[in-house]
Amino acid sequence: MRNSTDRQVPVLLWPFYAVWRLLTFILNVVGRLICSILGIALMIAGIAITMSVVGAPVGIPLASLGFLLLIRALF
């Protein structure tokens, strides 16, 4: 199978292709940034909730979810 990067873009469509690639790059970077900020916030909230012994069953999964979001944002 051919990948989308293997195809040649016609000269007349190249400006649209360049704008599309720029837009996808910007959305990818913004998505990763939001994911990392949300992951850090959930980790902090989970650790704060875990400090009280009663909230530990809720805080530990919340902190682990934040950690997994942070890992997803990095890789």
Protein backbone atom coordinates (compact mmCIF):
# COMPACT_ATOMS: atom_id res chain seq x y z
CA MET A 1 0.00 0.00 0.00
CA ARG A 2 1.14 3.48 -0.69
CA ASN A 3 1.40 6.00 2.06
CA SER A 4 -0.06 9.51 1.74
CA THR A 5 3.46 10.98 1.73
CA ASP A 6 4.42 8.85 -1.30
CA ARG A 7 2.05 10.63 -3.66
CA GLN A 8 3.04 13.60 -5.73
CA VAL A 9 0.97 16.74 -5.16
CA PRO A 10 0.01 18.58 -8.35
CA VAL A 11 1.49 22.04 -8.68
CA LEU A 12 -1.89 23.77 -8.71
CA LEU A 13 -2.95 22.06 -5.46
CA TRP A 14 0.32 22.66 -3.63
CA PRO A 15 -0.80 25.86 -1.80
CA PHE A 16 -3.85 24.04 -0.39
CA TYR A 17 -1.66 21.10 0.58
CA ALA A 18 0.81 23.40 2.37
CA VAL A 19 -1.97 25.18 4.29
CA TRP A 20 -3.48 21.80 5.24
CA ARG A 21 -0.12 20.51 6.50
CA LEU A 22 0.44 23.70 8.52
CA LEU A 23 -3.04 23.45 10.04
CA THR A 24 -2.56 19.80 11.02
CA PHE A 25 0.82 20.63 12.57
CA ILE A 26 -0.66 23.48 14.64
CA LEU A 27 -3.59 21.33 15.81
CA ASN A 28 -1.23 18.51 16.71
CA VAL A 29 0.96 20.79 18.83
CA VAL A 30 -2.03 22.44 20.55
CA GLY A 31 -3.57 19.03 21.25
CA ARG A 32 -0.38 17.76 22.85
CA LEU A 33 -0.09 20.93 24.94
CA ILE A 34 -3.66 20.68 26.21
CA CYS A 35 -3.20 16.98 26.93
CA SER A 36 -0.05 17.61 28.96
CA ILE A 37 -1.59 20.49 30.93
CA LEU A 38 -4.68 18.40 31.69
CA GLY A 39 -2.49 15.46 32.71
CA ILE A 40 -0.46 17.58 35.13
CA ALA A 41 -3.63 19.10 36.60
CA LEU A 42 -5.20 15.67 37.12
CA MET A 43 -2.02 14.37 38.72
CA ILE A 44 -1.92 17.31 41.15
CA ALA A 45 -5.62 16.91 41.96
CA GLY A 46 -5.22 13.16 42.46
CA ILE A 47 -2.26 13.61 44.79
CA ALA A 48 -4.12 16.29 46.75
CA ILE A 49 -7.16 14.04 47.12
CA THR A 50 -4.96 11.09 48.11
CA MET A 51 -3.52 13.08 51.01
CA SER A 52 -6.78 12.51 52.82
CA VAL A 53 -7.13 8.82 53.60
CA VAL A 54 -10.85 8.86 52.79
CA GLY A 55 -10.25 10.18 49.26
CA ALA A 56 -7.51 7.70 48.41
CA PRO A 57 -9.77 5.35 46.38
CA VAL A 58 -10.63 8.28 44.12
CA GLY A 59 -7.28 10.09 44.18
CA ILE A 60 -5.04 7.22 43.12
CA PRO A 61 -6.94 6.43 39.87
CA LEU A 62 -7.18 10.16 39.16
CA ALA A 63 -3.43 10.61 39.55
CA SER A 64 -2.74 7.56 37.41
CA LEU A 65 -5.06 8.87 34.69
CA GLY A 66 -3.19 12.17 34.75
CA PHE A 67 0.11 10.33 34.49
CA LEU A 68 -1.11 8.33 31.50
CA LEU A 69 -2.32 11.53 29.80
CA LEU A 70 1.07 13.10 30.37
CA ILE A 71 2.85 10.08 28.91
CA ARG A 72 0.51 10.20 25.90
CA ALA A 73 1.30 13.86 25.36
CA LEU A 74 5.03 13.22 25.40
CA PHE A 75 5.02 10.22 23.05
